[in-house]
Full PDB file with SEQRES, HELIX, SHEET, SSBOND, CRYST1, ORIGX, SCALE, CONECT and MASTER records, all heavy atoms in Angstrom:
SEQRES   1 A   40  PHE GLY MET PHE TRP ARG ARG ALA ASP VAL ASN TRP GLU          
SEQRES   2 A   40  LEU LYS GLN ASN VAL LYS LEU LEU GLY VAL HIS PRO THR          
SEQRES   3 A   40  ASP LYS THR GLN GLN HIS ILE ASP MET ALA GLY GLN THR          
SEQRES   4 A   40  GLY                                                          
HELIX    1 AA1 ARG A    7  ASP A    9  5                                   3    
HELIX    2 AA2 TRP A   12  ASN A   17  5                                   6    
SHEET    1 AA1 2 LEU A  21  GLY A  22  0                                        
SHEET    2 AA1 2 ILE A  33  ASP A  34 -1                                        
CRYST1    1.000    1.000    1.000  90.00  90.00  90.00 P 1           1          
ORIGX1      1.000000  0.000000  0.000000        0.00000                         
ORIGX2      0.000000  1.000000  0.000000        0.00000                         
ORIGX3      0.000000  0.000000  1.000000        0.00000                         
SCALE1      1.000000  0.000000  0.000000        0.00000                         
SCALE2      0.000000  1.000000  0.000000        0.00000                         
SCALE3      0.000000  0.000000  1.000000        0.00000                         
ATOM      1  N   PHE A   1       9.933  -1.677   2.649  1.00  0.00           N  
ATOM      2  CA  PHE A   1       9.324  -1.110   3.844  1.00  0.00           C  
ATOM      3  C   PHE A   1       8.631   0.205   3.526  1.00  0.00           C  
ATOM      4  O   PHE A   1       8.880   0.850   2.491  1.00  0.00           O  
ATOM      5  CB  PHE A   1      10.368  -0.896   4.935  1.00  0.00           C  
ATOM      6  CG  PHE A   1      11.437   0.122   4.632  1.00  0.00           C  
ATOM      7  CD1 PHE A   1      11.343   1.405   5.107  1.00  0.00           C  
ATOM      8  CD2 PHE A   1      12.552  -0.219   3.890  1.00  0.00           C  
ATOM      9  CE1 PHE A   1      12.312   2.375   4.845  1.00  0.00           C  
ATOM     10  CE2 PHE A   1      13.553   0.718   3.618  1.00  0.00           C  
ATOM     11  CZ  PHE A   1      13.430   2.016   4.091  1.00  0.00           C  
ATOM     12  N   GLY A   2       7.736   0.610   4.398  1.00  0.00           N  
ATOM     13  CA  GLY A   2       7.052   1.898   4.268  1.00  0.00           C  
ATOM     14  C   GLY A   2       6.997   2.578   5.617  1.00  0.00           C  
ATOM     15  O   GLY A   2       6.725   1.937   6.636  1.00  0.00           O  
ATOM     16  N   MET A   3       7.184   3.891   5.643  1.00  0.00           N  
ATOM     17  CA  MET A   3       7.273   4.627   6.891  1.00  0.00           C  
ATOM     18  C   MET A   3       6.136   5.635   7.029  1.00  0.00           C  
ATOM     19  O   MET A   3       5.859   6.432   6.129  1.00  0.00           O  
ATOM     20  CB  MET A   3       8.619   5.383   6.971  1.00  0.00           C  
ATOM     21  CG  MET A   3       9.856   4.481   6.941  1.00  0.00           C  
ATOM     22  SD  MET A   3       9.933   3.344   8.328  1.00  0.00           S  
ATOM     23  CE  MET A   3       9.922   4.477   9.731  1.00  0.00           C  
ATOM     24  N   PHE A   4       5.449   5.574   8.166  1.00  0.00           N  
ATOM     25  CA  PHE A   4       4.419   6.539   8.547  1.00  0.00           C  
ATOM     26  C   PHE A   4       3.358   6.709   7.442  1.00  0.00           C  
ATOM     27  O   PHE A   4       3.014   7.823   7.087  1.00  0.00           O  
ATOM     28  CB  PHE A   4       5.070   7.876   8.907  1.00  0.00           C  
ATOM     29  CG  PHE A   4       5.889   7.827  10.151  1.00  0.00           C  
ATOM     30  CD1 PHE A   4       7.265   7.636  10.080  1.00  0.00           C  
ATOM     31  CD2 PHE A   4       5.325   7.930  11.402  1.00  0.00           C  
ATOM     32  CE1 PHE A   4       8.063   7.571  11.231  1.00  0.00           C  
ATOM     33  CE2 PHE A   4       6.098   7.853  12.565  1.00  0.00           C  
ATOM     34  CZ  PHE A   4       7.468   7.674  12.475  1.00  0.00           C  
ATOM     35  N   TRP A   5       2.825   5.599   6.970  1.00  0.00           N  
ATOM     36  CA  TRP A   5       1.723   5.658   6.019  1.00  0.00           C  
ATOM     37  C   TRP A   5       0.460   6.108   6.782  1.00  0.00           C  
ATOM     38  O   TRP A   5       0.284   5.770   7.953  1.00  0.00           O  
ATOM     39  CB  TRP A   5       1.490   4.280   5.393  1.00  0.00           C  
ATOM     40  CG  TRP A   5       2.515   3.956   4.322  1.00  0.00           C  
ATOM     41  CD1 TRP A   5       3.747   4.527   4.154  1.00  0.00           C  
ATOM     42  CD2 TRP A   5       2.360   2.971   3.303  1.00  0.00           C  
ATOM     43  NE1 TRP A   5       4.381   3.959   3.078  1.00  0.00           N  
ATOM     44  CE2 TRP A   5       3.560   3.007   2.523  1.00  0.00           C  
ATOM     45  CE3 TRP A   5       1.368   2.073   2.956  1.00  0.00           C  
ATOM     46  CZ2 TRP A   5       3.752   2.156   1.437  1.00  0.00           C  
ATOM     47  CZ3 TRP A   5       1.566   1.229   1.888  1.00  0.00           C  
ATOM     48  CH2 TRP A   5       2.736   1.270   1.135  1.00  0.00           C  
ATOM     49  N   ARG A   6      -0.421   6.811   6.056  1.00  0.00           N  
ATOM     50  CA  ARG A   6      -1.622   7.369   6.696  1.00  0.00           C  
ATOM     51  C   ARG A   6      -2.758   6.316   6.723  1.00  0.00           C  
ATOM     52  O   ARG A   6      -3.082   5.721   5.709  1.00  0.00           O  
ATOM     53  CB  ARG A   6      -2.093   8.584   5.892  1.00  0.00           C  
ATOM     54  CG  ARG A   6      -1.209   9.815   6.076  1.00  0.00           C  
ATOM     55  CD  ARG A   6      -1.575  10.887   5.029  1.00  0.00           C  
ATOM     56  NE  ARG A   6      -3.004  11.144   5.021  1.00  0.00           N  
ATOM     57  CZ  ARG A   6      -3.606  12.038   5.797  1.00  0.00           C  
ATOM     58  NH1 ARG A   6      -2.906  12.759   6.658  1.00  0.00           N  
ATOM     59  NH2 ARG A   6      -4.905  12.257   5.707  1.00  0.00           N  
ATOM     60  N   ARG A   7      -3.304   6.139   7.888  1.00  0.00           N  
ATOM     61  CA  ARG A   7      -4.431   5.229   8.037  1.00  0.00           C  
ATOM     62  C   ARG A   7      -5.619   5.686   7.187  1.00  0.00           C  
ATOM     63  O   ARG A   7      -6.318   4.870   6.584  1.00  0.00           O  
ATOM     64  CB  ARG A   7      -4.839   5.178   9.518  1.00  0.00           C  
ATOM     65  CG  ARG A   7      -6.139   4.437   9.807  1.00  0.00           C  
ATOM     66  CD  ARG A   7      -6.404   4.370  11.310  1.00  0.00           C  
ATOM     67  NE  ARG A   7      -7.733   3.849  11.625  1.00  0.00           N  
ATOM     68  CZ  ARG A   7      -8.159   3.575  12.839  1.00  0.00           C  
ATOM     69  NH1 ARG A   7      -7.366   3.792  13.879  1.00  0.00           N  
ATOM     70  NH2 ARG A   7      -9.375   3.119  13.041  1.00  0.00           N  
ATOM     71  N   ALA A   8      -5.832   6.982   7.088  1.00  0.00           N  
ATOM     72  CA  ALA A   8      -6.968   7.533   6.369  1.00  0.00           C  
ATOM     73  C   ALA A   8      -6.886   7.320   4.858  1.00  0.00           C  
ATOM     74  O   ALA A   8      -7.876   7.503   4.177  1.00  0.00           O  
ATOM     75  CB  ALA A   8      -7.103   9.033   6.673  1.00  0.00           C  
ATOM     76  N   ASP A   9      -5.718   6.944   4.334  1.00  0.00           N  
ATOM     77  CA  ASP A   9      -5.560   6.745   2.908  1.00  0.00           C  
ATOM     78  C   ASP A   9      -5.771   5.283   2.482  1.00  0.00           C  
ATOM     79  O   ASP A   9      -5.490   4.929   1.336  1.00  0.00           O  
ATOM     80  CB  ASP A   9      -4.161   7.200   2.455  1.00  0.00           C  
ATOM     81  CG  ASP A   9      -4.055   8.722   2.380  1.00  0.00           C  
ATOM     82  OD1 ASP A   9      -5.104   9.369   2.340  1.00  0.00           O  
ATOM     83  OD2 ASP A   9      -2.933   9.235   2.369  1.00  0.00           O  
ATOM     84  N   VAL A  10      -6.246   4.466   3.393  1.00  0.00           N  
ATOM     85  CA  VAL A  10      -6.521   3.056   3.108  1.00  0.00           C  
ATOM     86  C   VAL A  10      -8.028   2.813   3.176  1.00  0.00           C  
ATOM     87  O   VAL A  10      -8.715   3.345   4.053  1.00  0.00           O  
ATOM     88  CB  VAL A  10      -5.813   2.134   4.120  1.00  0.00           C  
ATOM     89  CG1 VAL A  10      -6.157   0.666   3.841  1.00  0.00           C  
ATOM     90  CG2 VAL A  10      -4.306   2.362   4.066  1.00  0.00           C  
ATOM     91  N   ASN A  11      -8.565   2.046   2.245  1.00  0.00           N  
ATOM     92  CA  ASN A  11      -9.985   1.721   2.210  1.00  0.00           C  
ATOM     93  C   ASN A  11     -10.242   0.492   3.103  1.00  0.00           C  
ATOM     94  O   ASN A  11     -10.234  -0.650   2.620  1.00  0.00           O  
ATOM     95  CB  ASN A  11     -10.442   1.448   0.770  1.00  0.00           C  
ATOM     96  CG  ASN A  11     -11.939   1.198   0.710  1.00  0.00           C  
ATOM     97  OD1 ASN A  11     -12.670   1.371   1.680  1.00  0.00           O  
ATOM     98  ND2 ASN A  11     -12.414   0.780  -0.472  1.00  0.00           N  
ATOM     99  N   TRP A  12     -10.474   0.719   4.372  1.00  0.00           N  
ATOM    100  CA  TRP A  12     -10.648  -0.381   5.314  1.00  0.00           C  
ATOM    101  C   TRP A  12     -11.988  -1.076   5.138  1.00  0.00           C  
ATOM    102  O   TRP A  12     -12.174  -2.162   5.729  1.00  0.00           O  
ATOM    103  CB  TRP A  12     -10.513   0.148   6.752  1.00  0.00           C  
ATOM    104  CG  TRP A  12      -9.189   0.815   6.992  1.00  0.00           C  
ATOM    105  CD1 TRP A  12      -8.948   2.149   7.137  1.00  0.00           C  
ATOM    106  CD2 TRP A  12      -7.921   0.169   7.135  1.00  0.00           C  
ATOM    107  NE1 TRP A  12      -7.598   2.394   7.338  1.00  0.00           N  
ATOM    108  CE2 TRP A  12      -6.955   1.186   7.332  1.00  0.00           C  
ATOM    109  CE3 TRP A  12      -7.490  -1.155   7.091  1.00  0.00           C  
ATOM    110  CZ2 TRP A  12      -5.584   0.912   7.493  1.00  0.00           C  
ATOM    111  CZ3 TRP A  12      -6.145  -1.456   7.240  1.00  0.00           C  
ATOM    112  CH2 TRP A  12      -5.218  -0.423   7.455  1.00  0.00           C  
ATOM    113  N   GLU A  13     -12.898  -0.534   4.365  1.00  0.00           N  
ATOM    114  CA  GLU A  13     -14.183  -1.203   4.136  1.00  0.00           C  
ATOM    115  C   GLU A  13     -13.999  -2.532   3.399  1.00  0.00           C  
ATOM    116  O   GLU A  13     -14.898  -3.368   3.409  1.00  0.00           O  
ATOM    117  CB  GLU A  13     -15.100  -0.289   3.326  1.00  0.00           C  
ATOM    118  CG  GLU A  13     -15.525   0.977   4.104  1.00  0.00           C  
ATOM    119  CD  GLU A  13     -16.433   1.872   3.280  1.00  0.00           C  
ATOM    120  OE1 GLU A  13     -16.706   1.505   2.101  1.00  0.00           O  
ATOM    121  OE2 GLU A  13     -16.878   2.912   3.779  1.00  0.00           O  
ATOM    122  N   LEU A  14     -12.826  -2.730   2.760  1.00  0.00           N  
ATOM    123  CA  LEU A  14     -12.579  -3.984   2.053  1.00  0.00           C  
ATOM    124  C   LEU A  14     -12.275  -5.130   3.017  1.00  0.00           C  
ATOM    125  O   LEU A  14     -12.202  -6.272   2.600  1.00  0.00           O  
ATOM    126  CB  LEU A  14     -11.393  -3.794   1.094  1.00  0.00           C  
ATOM    127  CG  LEU A  14     -11.626  -2.794  -0.052  1.00  0.00           C  
ATOM    128  CD1 LEU A  14     -10.355  -2.632  -0.859  1.00  0.00           C  
ATOM    129  CD2 LEU A  14     -12.749  -3.269  -0.954  1.00  0.00           C  
ATOM    130  N   LYS A  15     -12.033  -4.798   4.292  1.00  0.00           N  
ATOM    131  CA  LYS A  15     -11.795  -5.783   5.356  1.00  0.00           C  
ATOM    132  C   LYS A  15     -10.665  -6.733   4.988  1.00  0.00           C  
ATOM    133  O   LYS A  15      -9.530  -6.328   4.820  1.00  0.00           O  
ATOM    134  CB  LYS A  15     -13.107  -6.526   5.672  1.00  0.00           C  
ATOM    135  CG  LYS A  15     -14.196  -5.595   6.192  1.00  0.00           C  
ATOM    136  CD  LYS A  15     -15.455  -6.359   6.543  1.00  0.00           C  
ATOM    137  CE  LYS A  15     -16.525  -5.408   7.073  1.00  0.00           C  
ATOM    138  NZ  LYS A  15     -17.763  -6.119   7.469  1.00  0.00           N  
ATOM    139  N   GLN A  16     -10.951  -8.050   4.862  1.00  0.00           N  
ATOM    140  CA  GLN A  16      -9.883  -9.008   4.611  1.00  0.00           C  
ATOM    141  C   GLN A  16      -9.251  -8.832   3.224  1.00  0.00           C  
ATOM    142  O   GLN A  16      -8.194  -9.395   2.935  1.00  0.00           O  
ATOM    143  CB  GLN A  16     -10.358 -10.467   4.773  1.00  0.00           C  
ATOM    144  CG  GLN A  16     -11.400 -10.898   3.744  1.00  0.00           C  
ATOM    145  CD  GLN A  16     -12.804 -10.698   4.235  1.00  0.00           C  
ATOM    146  OE1 GLN A  16     -13.059  -9.824   5.062  1.00  0.00           O  
ATOM    147  NE2 GLN A  16     -13.729 -11.546   3.770  1.00  0.00           N  
ATOM    148  N   ASN A  17      -9.899  -8.069   2.353  1.00  0.00           N  
ATOM    149  CA  ASN A  17      -9.358  -7.809   1.024  1.00  0.00           C  
ATOM    150  C   ASN A  17      -8.743  -6.420   0.913  1.00  0.00           C  
ATOM    151  O   ASN A  17      -8.541  -5.912  -0.192  1.00  0.00           O  
ATOM    152  CB  ASN A  17     -10.462  -7.951  -0.018  1.00  0.00           C  
ATOM    153  CG  ASN A  17     -11.018  -9.380  -0.081  1.00  0.00           C  
ATOM    154  OD1 ASN A  17     -10.267 -10.348  -0.057  1.00  0.00           O  
ATOM    155  ND2 ASN A  17     -12.339  -9.504  -0.143  1.00  0.00           N  
ATOM    156  N   VAL A  18      -8.441  -5.821   2.052  1.00  0.00           N  
ATOM    157  CA  VAL A  18      -7.869  -4.472   2.055  1.00  0.00           C  
ATOM    158  C   VAL A  18      -6.572  -4.415   1.269  1.00  0.00           C  
ATOM    159  O   VAL A  18      -5.826  -5.420   1.214  1.00  0.00           O  
ATOM    160  CB  VAL A  18      -7.646  -3.993   3.506  1.00  0.00           C  
ATOM    161  CG1 VAL A  18      -6.564  -4.825   4.199  1.00  0.00           C  
ATOM    162  CG2 VAL A  18      -7.301  -2.540   3.559  1.00  0.00           C  
ATOM    163  N   LYS A  19      -6.321  -3.285   0.619  1.00  0.00           N  
ATOM    164  CA  LYS A  19      -5.091  -3.108  -0.159  1.00  0.00           C  
ATOM    165  C   LYS A  19      -4.224  -2.048   0.494  1.00  0.00           C  
ATOM    166  O   LYS A  19      -4.728  -1.010   0.927  1.00  0.00           O  
ATOM    167  CB  LYS A  19      -5.436  -2.694  -1.578  1.00  0.00           C  
ATOM    168  CG  LYS A  19      -6.190  -3.746  -2.366  1.00  0.00           C  
ATOM    169  CD  LYS A  19      -6.460  -3.313  -3.813  1.00  0.00           C  
ATOM    170  CE  LYS A  19      -7.184  -4.399  -4.593  1.00  0.00           C  
ATOM    171  NZ  LYS A  19      -7.451  -3.972  -5.992  1.00  0.00           N  
ATOM    172  N   LEU A  20      -2.939  -2.331   0.546  1.00  0.00           N  
ATOM    173  CA  LEU A  20      -1.947  -1.362   1.050  1.00  0.00           C  
ATOM    174  C   LEU A  20      -1.069  -0.991  -0.151  1.00  0.00           C  
ATOM    175  O   LEU A  20      -0.126  -1.678  -0.491  1.00  0.00           O  
ATOM    176  CB  LEU A  20      -1.111  -1.996   2.148  1.00  0.00           C  
ATOM    177  CG  LEU A  20      -1.843  -2.549   3.363  1.00  0.00           C  
ATOM    178  CD1 LEU A  20      -0.858  -3.162   4.336  1.00  0.00           C  
ATOM    179  CD2 LEU A  20      -2.668  -1.462   4.036  1.00  0.00           C  
ATOM    180  N   LEU A  21      -1.418   0.102  -0.810  1.00  0.00           N  
ATOM    181  CA  LEU A  21      -0.811   0.465  -2.093  1.00  0.00           C  
ATOM    182  C   LEU A  21       0.403   1.348  -1.881  1.00  0.00           C  
ATOM    183  O   LEU A  21       0.344   2.344  -1.154  1.00  0.00           O  
ATOM    184  CB  LEU A  21      -1.838   1.143  -2.988  1.00  0.00           C  
ATOM    185  CG  LEU A  21      -3.087   0.313  -3.289  1.00  0.00           C  
ATOM    186  CD1 LEU A  21      -4.044   1.135  -4.153  1.00  0.00           C  
ATOM    187  CD2 LEU A  21      -2.721  -0.978  -4.011  1.00  0.00           C  
ATOM    188  N   GLY A  22       1.479   0.993  -2.552  1.00  0.00           N  
ATOM    189  CA  GLY A  22       2.710   1.792  -2.462  1.00  0.00           C  
ATOM    190  C   GLY A  22       3.339   1.948  -3.850  1.00  0.00           C  
ATOM    191  O   GLY A  22       3.069   1.154  -4.773  1.00  0.00           O  
ATOM    192  N   VAL A  23       4.170   2.953  -3.985  1.00  0.00           N  
ATOM    193  CA  VAL A  23       4.910   3.182  -5.214  1.00  0.00           C  
ATOM    194  C   VAL A  23       6.382   3.403  -4.863  1.00  0.00           C  
ATOM    195  O   VAL A  23       6.703   3.983  -3.847  1.00  0.00           O  
ATOM    196  CB  VAL A  23       4.378   4.409  -6.011  1.00  0.00           C  
ATOM    197  CG1 VAL A  23       2.968   4.151  -6.505  1.00  0.00           C  
ATOM    198  CG2 VAL A  23       4.451   5.673  -5.171  1.00  0.00           C  
ATOM    199  N   HIS A  24       7.251   2.903  -5.739  1.00  0.00           N  
ATOM    200  CA  HIS A  24       8.676   3.145  -5.540  1.00  0.00           C  
ATOM    201  C   HIS A  24       9.005   4.549  -6.038  1.00  0.00           C  
ATOM    202  O   HIS A  24       8.591   4.926  -7.143  1.00  0.00           O  
ATOM    203  CB  HIS A  24       9.526   2.114  -6.265  1.00  0.00           C  
ATOM    204  CG  HIS A  24      10.945   2.077  -5.816  1.00  0.00           C  
ATOM    205  ND1 HIS A  24      11.868   2.983  -6.284  1.00  0.00           N  
ATOM    206  CD2 HIS A  24      11.592   1.291  -4.936  1.00  0.00           C  
ATOM    207  CE1 HIS A  24      13.033   2.729  -5.718  1.00  0.00           C  
ATOM    208  NE2 HIS A  24      12.891   1.698  -4.883  1.00  0.00           N  
ATOM    209  N   PRO A  25       9.711   5.353  -5.270  1.00  0.00           N  
ATOM    210  CA  PRO A  25       9.958   6.756  -5.668  1.00  0.00           C  
ATOM    211  C   PRO A  25      10.709   6.926  -6.980  1.00  0.00           C  
ATOM    212  O   PRO A  25      10.601   7.977  -7.591  1.00  0.00           O  
ATOM    213  CB  PRO A  25      10.738   7.325  -4.479  1.00  0.00           C  
ATOM    214  CG  PRO A  25      11.304   6.151  -3.754  1.00  0.00           C  
ATOM    215  CD  PRO A  25      10.301   5.042  -3.959  1.00  0.00           C  
ATOM    216  N   THR A  26      11.431   5.902  -7.417  1.00  0.00           N  
ATOM    217  CA  THR A  26      12.204   6.030  -8.659  1.00  0.00           C  
ATOM    218  C   THR A  26      11.464   5.424  -9.861  1.00  0.00           C  
ATOM    219  O   THR A  26      11.991   5.456 -10.966  1.00  0.00           O  
ATOM    220  CB  THR A  26      13.580   5.391  -8.533  1.00  0.00           C  
ATOM    221  OG1 THR A  26      13.426   3.975  -8.277  1.00  0.00           O  
ATOM    222  CG2 THR A  26      14.377   6.026  -7.399  1.00  0.00           C  
ATOM    223  N   ASP A  27      10.291   4.868  -9.642  1.00  0.00           N  
ATOM    224  CA  ASP A  27       9.525   4.226 -10.717  1.00  0.00           C  
ATOM    225  C   ASP A  27       8.787   5.297 -11.506  1.00  0.00           C  
ATOM    226  O   ASP A  27       7.803   5.886 -11.029  1.00  0.00           O  
ATOM    227  CB  ASP A  27       8.563   3.213 -10.132  1.00  0.00           C  
ATOM    228  CG  ASP A  27       7.766   2.467 -11.201  1.00  0.00           C  
ATOM    229  OD1 ASP A  27       8.051   2.663 -12.391  1.00  0.00           O  
ATOM    230  OD2 ASP A  27       6.869   1.682 -10.845  1.00  0.00           O  
ATOM    231  N   LYS A  28       9.219   5.527 -12.727  1.00  0.00           N  
ATOM    232  CA  LYS A  28       8.610   6.568 -13.549  1.00  0.00           C  
ATOM    233  C   LYS A  28       7.182   6.207 -13.952  1.00  0.00           C  
ATOM    234  O   LYS A  28       6.368   7.096 -14.244  1.00  0.00           O  
ATOM    235  CB  LYS A  28       9.471   6.801 -14.795  1.00  0.00           C  
ATOM    236  CG  LYS A  28      10.859   7.359 -14.493  1.00  0.00           C  
ATOM    237  CD  LYS A  28      11.647   7.608 -15.766  1.00  0.00           C  
ATOM    238  CE  LYS A  28      13.015   8.184 -15.464  1.00  0.00           C  
ATOM    239  NZ  LYS A  28      13.826   8.394 -16.687  1.00  0.00           N  
ATOM    240  N   THR A  29       6.845   4.921 -13.964  1.00  0.00           N  
ATOM    241  CA  THR A  29       5.493   4.506 -14.335  1.00  0.00           C  
ATOM    242  C   THR A  29       4.526   4.635 -13.161  1.00  0.00           C  
ATOM    243  O   THR A  29       3.315   4.538 -13.369  1.00  0.00           O  
ATOM    244  CB  THR A  29       5.474   3.048 -14.817  1.00  0.00           C  
ATOM    245  OG1 THR A  29       5.788   2.169 -13.722  1.00  0.00           O  
ATOM    246  CG2 THR A  29       6.490   2.832 -15.934  1.00  0.00           C  
ATOM    247  N   GLN A  30       5.069   4.850 -11.953  1.00  0.00           N  
ATOM    248  CA  GLN A  30       4.242   4.994 -10.749  1.00  0.00           C  
ATOM    249  C   GLN A  30       3.307   3.784 -10.577  1.00  0.00           C  
ATOM    250  O   GLN A  30       2.146   3.903 -10.222  1.00  0.00           O  
ATOM    251  CB  GLN A  30       3.417   6.261 -10.785  1.00  0.00           C  
ATOM    252  CG  GLN A  30       4.258   7.528 -10.678  1.00  0.00           C  
ATOM    253  CD  GLN A  30       4.934   7.660  -9.315  1.00  0.00           C  
ATOM    254  OE1 GLN A  30       4.288   7.959  -8.322  1.00  0.00           O  
ATOM    255  NE2 GLN A  30       6.244   7.435  -9.252  1.00  0.00           N  
ATOM    256  N   GLN A  31       3.865   2.588 -10.824  1.00  0.00           N  
ATOM    257  CA  GLN A  31       3.100   1.356 -10.665  1.00  0.00           C  
ATOM    258  C   GLN A  31       2.737   1.136  -9.202  1.00  0.00           C  
ATOM    259  O   GLN A  31       3.560   1.231  -8.324  1.00  0.00           O  
ATOM    260  CB  GLN A  31       3.912   0.149 -11.172  1.00  0.00           C  
ATOM    261  CG  GLN A  31       3.206  -1.169 -11.014  1.00  0.00           C  
ATOM    262  CD  GLN A  31       4.085  -2.360 -11.385  1.00  0.00           C  
ATOM    263  OE1 GLN A  31       5.307  -2.245 -11.436  1.00  0.00           O  
ATOM    264  NE2 GLN A  31       3.483  -3.499 -11.675  1.00  0.00           N  
ATOM    265  N   HIS A  32       1.473   0.845  -8.922  1.00  0.00           N  
ATOM    266  CA  HIS A  32       1.005   0.621  -7.577  1.00  0.00           C  
ATOM    267  C   HIS A  32       1.297  -0.836  -7.183  1.00  0.00           C  
ATOM    268  O   HIS A  32       0.887  -1.770  -7.893  1.00  0.00           O  
ATOM    269  CB  HIS A  32      -0.501   0.894  -7.467  1.00  0.00           C  
ATOM    270  CG  HIS A  32      -0.819   2.359  -7.497  1.00  0.00           C  
ATOM    271  ND1 HIS A  32      -2.081   2.853  -7.214  1.00  0.00           N  
ATOM    272  CD2 HIS A  32      -0.039   3.435  -7.771  1.00  0.00           C  
ATOM    273  CE1 HIS A  32      -2.061   4.182  -7.315  1.00  0.00           C  
ATOM    274  NE2 HIS A  32      -0.835   4.543  -7.645  1.00  0.00           N  
ATOM    275  N   ILE A  33       1.982  -1.021  -6.076  1.00  0.00           N  
ATOM    276  CA  ILE A  33       2.276  -2.358  -5.551  1.00  0.00           C  
ATOM    277  C   ILE A  33       1.436  -2.579  -4.316  1.00  0.00           C  
ATOM    278  O   ILE A  33       1.445  -1.757  -3.387  1.00  0.00           O  
ATOM    279  CB  ILE A  33       3.781  -2.478  -5.202  1.00  0.00           C  
ATOM    280  CG1 ILE A  33       4.680  -2.021  -6.368  1.00  0.00           C  
ATOM    281  CG2 ILE A  33       4.093  -3.915  -4.768  1.00  0.00           C  
ATOM    282  CD1 ILE A  33       4.539  -2.842  -7.608  1.00  0.00           C  
ATOM    283  N   ASP A  34       0.711  -3.680  -4.283  1.00  0.00           N  
ATOM    284  CA  ASP A  34      -0.117  -3.997  -3.132  1.00  0.00           C  
ATOM    285  C   ASP A  34       0.707  -4.769  -2.109  1.00  0.00           C  
ATOM    286  O   ASP A  34       1.129  -5.884  -2.344  1.00  0.00           O  
ATOM    287  CB  ASP A  34      -1.321  -4.840  -3.572  1.00  0.00           C  
ATOM    288  CG  ASP A  34      -2.300  -5.079  -2.429  1.00  0.00           C  
ATOM    289  OD1 ASP A  34      -2.084  -4.526  -1.322  1.00  0.00           O  
ATOM    290  OD2 ASP A  34      -3.289  -5.832  -2.634  1.00  0.00           O  
ATOM    291  N   MET A  35       0.930  -4.157  -0.954  1.00  0.00           N  
ATOM    292  CA  MET A  35       1.751  -4.740   0.099  1.00  0.00           C  
ATOM    293  C   MET A  35       0.915  -5.507   1.140  1.00  0.00           C  
ATOM    294  O   MET A  35       1.448  -5.909   2.176  1.00  0.00           O  
ATOM    295  CB  MET A  35       2.548  -3.642   0.803  1.00  0.00           C  
ATOM    296  CG  MET A  35       3.495  -2.888  -0.102  1.00  0.00           C  
ATOM    297  SD  MET A  35       4.788  -3.981  -0.774  1.00  0.00           S  
ATOM    298  CE  MET A  35       5.721  -2.789  -1.773  1.00  0.00           C  
ATOM    299  N   ALA A  36      -0.360  -5.708   0.883  1.00  0.00           N  
ATOM    300  CA  ALA A  36      -1.225  -6.340   1.873  1.00  0.00           C  
ATOM    301  C   ALA A  36      -0.802  -7.767   2.191  1.00  0.00           C  
ATOM    302  O   ALA A  36      -1.081  -8.275   3.285  1.00  0.00           O  
ATOM    303  CB  ALA A  36      -2.668  -6.337   1.387  1.00  0.00           C  
ATOM    304  N   GLY A  37      -0.100  -8.419   1.285  1.00  0.00           N  
ATOM    305  CA  GLY A  37       0.333  -9.776   1.492  1.00  0.00           C  
ATOM    306  C   GLY A  37       1.712  -9.912   2.100  1.00  0.00           C  
ATOM    307  O   GLY A  37       2.300 -11.003   2.081  1.00  0.00           O  
ATOM    308  N   GLN A  38       2.248  -8.833   2.617  1.00  0.00           N  
ATOM    309  CA  GLN A  38       3.594  -8.870   3.206  1.00  0.00           C  
ATOM    310  C   GLN A  38       3.627  -9.678   4.508  1.00  0.00           C  
ATOM    311  O   GLN A  38       2.616  -9.833   5.185  1.00  0.00           O  
ATOM    312  CB  GLN A  38       4.112  -7.449   3.479  1.00  0.00           C  
ATOM    313  CG  GLN A  38       4.818  -6.781   2.312  1.00  0.00           C  
ATOM    314  CD  GLN A  38       6.183  -7.407   2.014  1.00  0.00           C  
ATOM    315  OE1 GLN A  38       6.587  -8.399   2.617  1.00  0.00           O  
ATOM    316  NE2 GLN A  38       6.875  -6.825   1.062  1.00  0.00           N  
ATOM    317  N   THR A  39       4.815 -10.131   4.831  1.00  0.00           N  
ATOM    318  CA  THR A  39       5.112 -10.704   6.148  1.00  0.00           C  
ATOM    319  C   THR A  39       6.199  -9.847   6.771  1.00  0.00           C  
ATOM    320  O   THR A  39       6.990  -9.226   6.064  1.00  0.00           O  
ATOM    321  CB  THR A  39       5.595 -12.155   6.051  1.00  0.00           C  
ATOM    322  OG1 THR A  39       6.814 -12.200   5.259  1.00  0.00           O  
ATOM    323  CG2 THR A  39       4.568 -13.048   5.391  1.00  0.00           C  
ATOM    324  N   GLY A  40       6.268  -9.800   8.086  1.00  0.00           N  
ATOM    325  CA  GLY A  40       7.300  -9.012   8.754  1.00  0.00           C  
ATOM    326  C   GLY A  40       6.805  -8.411  10.048  1.00  0.00           C  
ATOM    327  O   GLY A  40       6.059  -9.050  10.804  1.00  0.00           O  
TER     328      GLY A  40                                                      
MASTER        0    0    0    2    2    0    0    6  327    1    0    4          
END                                                                             
């Protein structure tokens, strides 16, 4: 889950291909995970 993400930090110009990028706070590699395909 993600709490209070900023709308302004998403590139909505991608439309149906928009990406919702998140990082796990304990991941030292800071790997970006795209959550756009989530259900819930």
